[in-house]
N, C-alpha and C. Protein backbone atom coordinates (compact mmCIF):
# COMPACT_ATOMS: atom_id res chain seq x y z
N UNK A 1 -12.18 -10.87 23.54
CA UNK A 1 -12.82 -11.49 22.38
C UNK A 1 -11.73 -12.06 21.49
N UNK A 2 -11.88 -13.33 21.15
CA UNK A 2 -10.95 -14.00 20.26
C UNK A 2 -11.36 -13.71 18.82
N UNK A 3 -10.42 -13.29 17.99
CA UNK A 3 -10.68 -12.97 16.59
C UNK A 3 -9.73 -13.78 15.74
N UNK A 4 -10.28 -14.62 14.83
CA UNK A 4 -9.44 -15.47 13.99
C UNK A 4 -9.92 -15.41 12.54
N UNK A 5 -9.00 -15.72 11.63
CA UNK A 5 -9.36 -15.76 10.21
C UNK A 5 -9.75 -17.16 9.77
N UNK A 6 -9.59 -18.14 10.63
CA UNK A 6 -9.93 -19.52 10.30
C UNK A 6 -11.42 -19.76 10.49
N UNK A 7 -11.91 -20.90 9.96
CA UNK A 7 -13.33 -21.24 10.05
C UNK A 7 -13.71 -21.81 11.40
N UNK A 8 -12.73 -22.28 12.14
CA UNK A 8 -13.01 -22.87 13.45
C UNK A 8 -11.85 -22.55 14.40
N UNK A 9 -12.10 -22.82 15.68
CA UNK A 9 -11.07 -22.61 16.69
C UNK A 9 -10.72 -23.98 17.24
N UNK A 10 -9.50 -24.37 17.08
CA UNK A 10 -9.04 -25.69 17.48
C UNK A 10 -9.39 -25.99 18.94
N UNK A 11 -10.02 -27.13 19.15
CA UNK A 11 -10.36 -27.56 20.51
C UNK A 11 -11.63 -26.94 21.07
N UNK A 12 -12.32 -26.14 20.29
CA UNK A 12 -13.55 -25.48 20.77
C UNK A 12 -14.73 -25.89 19.90
N UNK A 13 -15.82 -26.23 20.56
CA UNK A 13 -17.08 -26.45 19.85
C UNK A 13 -17.85 -25.14 19.94
N UNK A 14 -18.38 -24.69 18.80
CA UNK A 14 -19.01 -23.37 18.78
C UNK A 14 -20.44 -23.43 18.25
N UNK A 15 -21.18 -22.42 18.63
CA UNK A 15 -22.54 -22.20 18.14
C UNK A 15 -22.50 -20.90 17.35
N UNK A 16 -22.95 -20.94 16.10
CA UNK A 16 -22.92 -19.76 15.24
C UNK A 16 -24.03 -18.79 15.64
N UNK A 17 -23.66 -17.50 15.80
CA UNK A 17 -24.63 -16.47 16.15
C UNK A 17 -25.01 -15.60 14.97
N UNK A 18 -24.13 -15.48 13.99
CA UNK A 18 -24.45 -14.69 12.81
C UNK A 18 -23.34 -13.76 12.37
N UNK A 19 -23.59 -13.09 11.28
CA UNK A 19 -22.64 -12.15 10.69
C UNK A 19 -22.51 -10.91 11.57
N UNK A 20 -21.28 -10.46 11.75
CA UNK A 20 -21.03 -9.19 12.43
C UNK A 20 -20.09 -8.38 11.54
N UNK A 21 -20.23 -7.06 11.62
CA UNK A 21 -19.41 -6.21 10.77
C UNK A 21 -19.15 -4.87 11.45
N UNK A 22 -18.15 -4.22 10.99
CA UNK A 22 -17.85 -2.86 11.43
C UNK A 22 -17.22 -2.13 10.26
N UNK A 23 -17.52 -0.86 10.13
CA UNK A 23 -16.93 -0.12 9.01
C UNK A 23 -16.70 1.33 9.41
N UNK A 24 -15.88 1.98 8.60
CA UNK A 24 -15.61 3.40 8.76
C UNK A 24 -15.15 3.96 7.42
N UNK A 25 -15.35 5.24 7.24
CA UNK A 25 -14.81 5.94 6.08
C UNK A 25 -13.85 6.98 6.63
N UNK A 26 -12.63 6.93 6.16
CA UNK A 26 -11.58 7.82 6.67
C UNK A 26 -10.96 8.61 5.51
N UNK A 27 -10.41 9.77 5.85
CA UNK A 27 -9.69 10.56 4.85
C UNK A 27 -8.51 11.25 5.53
N UNK A 28 -7.58 11.69 4.72
CA UNK A 28 -6.49 12.52 5.23
C UNK A 28 -6.86 13.96 4.93
N UNK A 29 -6.21 14.90 5.64
CA UNK A 29 -6.59 16.29 5.37
C UNK A 29 -6.09 16.73 3.99
N UNK A 30 -6.69 17.76 3.47
CA UNK A 30 -6.45 18.19 2.09
C UNK A 30 -4.98 18.53 1.83
N UNK A 31 -4.31 19.16 2.78
CA UNK A 31 -2.91 19.53 2.58
C UNK A 31 -2.03 18.29 2.46
N UNK A 32 -2.32 17.28 3.29
CA UNK A 32 -1.54 16.03 3.20
C UNK A 32 -1.87 15.30 1.90
N UNK A 33 -3.11 15.41 1.44
CA UNK A 33 -3.51 14.78 0.18
C UNK A 33 -2.74 15.39 -0.98
N UNK A 34 -2.57 16.71 -0.95
CA UNK A 34 -1.79 17.38 -2.00
C UNK A 34 -0.34 16.91 -1.94
N UNK A 35 0.20 16.84 -0.73
CA UNK A 35 1.57 16.35 -0.56
C UNK A 35 1.74 14.93 -1.05
N UNK A 36 0.75 14.09 -0.78
CA UNK A 36 0.81 12.70 -1.25
C UNK A 36 0.75 12.64 -2.77
N UNK A 37 -0.05 13.53 -3.37
CA UNK A 37 -0.11 13.60 -4.82
C UNK A 37 1.23 13.93 -5.44
N UNK A 38 1.95 14.85 -4.80
CA UNK A 38 3.29 15.20 -5.29
C UNK A 38 4.26 14.04 -5.09
N UNK A 39 4.07 13.28 -4.00
CA UNK A 39 4.94 12.15 -3.70
C UNK A 39 4.83 11.07 -4.79
N UNK A 40 3.68 10.97 -5.42
CA UNK A 40 3.52 9.96 -6.47
C UNK A 40 4.40 10.25 -7.68
N UNK A 41 4.83 11.48 -7.82
CA UNK A 41 5.72 11.83 -8.93
C UNK A 41 7.11 11.23 -8.76
N UNK A 42 7.57 11.15 -7.51
CA UNK A 42 8.92 10.65 -7.25
C UNK A 42 8.93 9.25 -6.66
N UNK A 43 7.78 8.77 -6.21
CA UNK A 43 7.70 7.43 -5.64
C UNK A 43 8.01 7.41 -4.16
N UNK A 44 7.71 6.31 -3.54
CA UNK A 44 7.99 6.14 -2.12
C UNK A 44 6.72 5.86 -1.33
N UNK A 45 6.91 5.59 -0.07
CA UNK A 45 5.81 5.24 0.82
C UNK A 45 4.99 6.48 1.19
N UNK A 46 3.68 6.32 1.18
CA UNK A 46 2.78 7.40 1.58
C UNK A 46 2.40 7.15 3.04
N UNK A 47 3.23 7.63 3.94
CA UNK A 47 3.09 7.31 5.36
C UNK A 47 1.78 7.78 5.96
N UNK A 48 1.28 8.92 5.58
CA UNK A 48 0.02 9.42 6.14
C UNK A 48 -1.15 8.54 5.72
N UNK A 49 -1.08 8.01 4.50
CA UNK A 49 -2.13 7.08 4.06
C UNK A 49 -2.03 5.76 4.82
N UNK A 50 -0.81 5.30 5.08
CA UNK A 50 -0.64 4.09 5.89
C UNK A 50 -1.25 4.28 7.28
N UNK A 51 -0.96 5.43 7.88
CA UNK A 51 -1.51 5.72 9.21
C UNK A 51 -3.03 5.78 9.16
N UNK A 52 -3.58 6.42 8.12
CA UNK A 52 -5.02 6.51 7.98
C UNK A 52 -5.64 5.12 7.88
N UNK A 53 -5.05 4.24 7.08
CA UNK A 53 -5.60 2.90 6.88
C UNK A 53 -5.46 2.06 8.15
N UNK A 54 -4.35 2.20 8.88
CA UNK A 54 -4.19 1.49 10.16
C UNK A 54 -5.28 1.89 11.14
N UNK A 55 -5.52 3.19 11.27
CA UNK A 55 -6.57 3.68 12.17
C UNK A 55 -7.94 3.20 11.73
N UNK A 56 -8.19 3.20 10.42
CA UNK A 56 -9.48 2.77 9.90
C UNK A 56 -9.71 1.28 10.18
N UNK A 57 -8.69 0.44 9.97
CA UNK A 57 -8.83 -0.99 10.26
C UNK A 57 -9.09 -1.23 11.74
N UNK A 58 -8.38 -0.49 12.59
CA UNK A 58 -8.58 -0.65 14.04
C UNK A 58 -10.00 -0.25 14.44
N UNK A 59 -10.51 0.84 13.89
CA UNK A 59 -11.85 1.30 14.22
C UNK A 59 -12.92 0.33 13.70
N UNK A 60 -12.74 -0.16 12.47
CA UNK A 60 -13.69 -1.12 11.90
C UNK A 60 -13.70 -2.40 12.74
N UNK A 61 -12.53 -2.85 13.17
CA UNK A 61 -12.44 -4.05 14.01
C UNK A 61 -13.14 -3.82 15.34
N UNK A 62 -12.90 -2.68 15.95
CA UNK A 62 -13.54 -2.34 17.23
C UNK A 62 -15.06 -2.35 17.09
N UNK A 63 -15.58 -1.81 16.02
CA UNK A 63 -17.03 -1.78 15.81
C UNK A 63 -17.59 -3.19 15.57
N UNK A 64 -16.83 -4.03 14.88
CA UNK A 64 -17.25 -5.41 14.66
C UNK A 64 -17.31 -6.16 15.99
N UNK A 65 -16.30 -5.97 16.83
CA UNK A 65 -16.25 -6.62 18.15
C UNK A 65 -17.41 -6.15 19.02
N UNK A 66 -17.73 -4.87 18.98
CA UNK A 66 -18.87 -4.35 19.75
C UNK A 66 -20.17 -5.02 19.33
N UNK A 67 -20.35 -5.20 18.02
CA UNK A 67 -21.56 -5.86 17.53
C UNK A 67 -21.61 -7.32 17.99
N UNK A 68 -20.47 -7.99 17.96
CA UNK A 68 -20.41 -9.38 18.41
C UNK A 68 -20.68 -9.48 19.91
N UNK A 69 -20.18 -8.54 20.67
CA UNK A 69 -20.41 -8.53 22.12
C UNK A 69 -21.90 -8.38 22.43
N UNK A 70 -22.59 -7.55 21.67
CA UNK A 70 -24.03 -7.38 21.88
C UNK A 70 -24.81 -8.69 21.64
N UNK A 71 -24.25 -9.56 20.79
CA UNK A 71 -24.88 -10.86 20.53
C UNK A 71 -24.49 -11.91 21.57
N UNK A 72 -23.57 -11.56 22.46
CA UNK A 72 -23.10 -12.51 23.47
C UNK A 72 -22.03 -13.45 22.95
N UNK A 73 -21.29 -13.03 21.94
CA UNK A 73 -20.26 -13.87 21.32
C UNK A 73 -19.01 -13.99 22.19
N UNK A 74 -18.35 -15.13 22.05
CA UNK A 74 -17.06 -15.35 22.69
C UNK A 74 -15.92 -15.13 21.70
N UNK A 75 -16.23 -15.24 20.41
CA UNK A 75 -15.20 -15.13 19.38
C UNK A 75 -15.84 -14.72 18.06
N UNK A 76 -14.96 -14.34 17.13
CA UNK A 76 -15.38 -14.06 15.76
C UNK A 76 -14.46 -14.88 14.86
N UNK A 77 -15.05 -15.71 14.01
CA UNK A 77 -14.28 -16.55 13.10
C UNK A 77 -14.44 -16.04 11.67
N UNK A 78 -13.55 -16.52 10.79
CA UNK A 78 -13.58 -16.15 9.36
C UNK A 78 -13.52 -14.64 9.16
N UNK A 79 -12.72 -13.95 9.93
CA UNK A 79 -12.64 -12.49 9.83
C UNK A 79 -11.94 -12.10 8.53
N UNK A 80 -12.53 -11.12 7.86
CA UNK A 80 -11.98 -10.58 6.62
C UNK A 80 -12.07 -9.06 6.66
N UNK A 81 -11.24 -8.43 5.84
CA UNK A 81 -11.27 -6.98 5.68
C UNK A 81 -11.45 -6.66 4.21
N UNK A 82 -12.17 -5.59 3.95
CA UNK A 82 -12.28 -5.11 2.57
C UNK A 82 -12.13 -3.60 2.59
N UNK A 83 -11.70 -3.06 1.48
CA UNK A 83 -11.58 -1.60 1.39
C UNK A 83 -12.01 -1.16 0.00
N UNK A 84 -12.48 0.05 -0.06
CA UNK A 84 -12.86 0.64 -1.34
C UNK A 84 -12.64 2.14 -1.29
N UNK A 85 -12.29 2.67 -2.41
CA UNK A 85 -12.09 4.11 -2.52
C UNK A 85 -13.45 4.78 -2.65
N UNK A 86 -13.70 5.78 -1.82
CA UNK A 86 -14.96 6.50 -1.86
C UNK A 86 -14.82 7.74 -2.75
N UNK A 87 -13.71 8.43 -2.57
CA UNK A 87 -13.37 9.61 -3.37
C UNK A 87 -11.87 9.83 -3.22
N UNK A 88 -11.33 10.80 -3.90
CA UNK A 88 -9.90 11.08 -3.79
C UNK A 88 -9.51 11.32 -2.34
N UNK A 89 -8.61 10.50 -1.81
CA UNK A 89 -8.12 10.69 -0.44
C UNK A 89 -9.01 10.12 0.64
N UNK A 90 -10.07 9.37 0.29
CA UNK A 90 -10.97 8.78 1.29
C UNK A 90 -11.24 7.32 0.94
N UNK A 91 -11.27 6.49 1.97
CA UNK A 91 -11.50 5.06 1.76
C UNK A 91 -12.43 4.52 2.82
N UNK A 92 -13.23 3.53 2.42
CA UNK A 92 -14.06 2.79 3.37
C UNK A 92 -13.34 1.49 3.70
N UNK A 93 -13.30 1.16 4.96
CA UNK A 93 -12.76 -0.11 5.43
C UNK A 93 -13.88 -0.85 6.11
N UNK A 94 -14.03 -2.13 5.79
CA UNK A 94 -15.04 -2.95 6.46
C UNK A 94 -14.35 -4.19 7.01
N UNK A 95 -14.68 -4.52 8.25
CA UNK A 95 -14.24 -5.76 8.88
C UNK A 95 -15.50 -6.59 9.09
N UNK A 96 -15.45 -7.89 8.76
CA UNK A 96 -16.62 -8.71 8.95
C UNK A 96 -16.21 -10.15 9.25
N UNK A 97 -17.09 -10.86 9.90
CA UNK A 97 -16.84 -12.25 10.25
C UNK A 97 -18.10 -12.86 10.84
N UNK A 98 -17.96 -14.05 11.40
CA UNK A 98 -19.07 -14.77 11.99
C UNK A 98 -18.90 -14.82 13.51
N UNK A 99 -19.87 -14.29 14.23
CA UNK A 99 -19.83 -14.32 15.69
C UNK A 99 -20.21 -15.73 16.15
N UNK A 100 -19.47 -16.26 17.13
CA UNK A 100 -19.75 -17.57 17.68
C UNK A 100 -19.69 -17.54 19.20
N UNK A 101 -20.40 -18.48 19.79
CA UNK A 101 -20.38 -18.67 21.25
C UNK A 101 -19.83 -20.07 21.50
N UNK A 102 -18.98 -20.20 22.53
CA UNK A 102 -18.45 -21.51 22.90
C UNK A 102 -19.53 -22.33 23.58
N UNK A 103 -19.60 -23.61 23.24
CA UNK A 103 -20.57 -24.51 23.88
C UNK A 103 -19.99 -25.07 25.16
């Protein structure tokens, strides 16, 4: 499945199938959350949160692709990601775009 952030795919004529999305809510374990809280006092990268967000984006993308596949899509255009904090140490990631079929 081709996934792009652009509105079109160069050299391809497409038929729009509709909006597709995938989402997940992820958290780090409580002990790592406490450690991350202490890290904010001295500064620096919160590696466990980076890992959590990488996994969440991958899972949201996978779910979006599965939805597009069910529609018979060849590609997803205009792909975007959004995130929001659900509670301390937990975030929702959503991937969304437009499923298209090549003509």
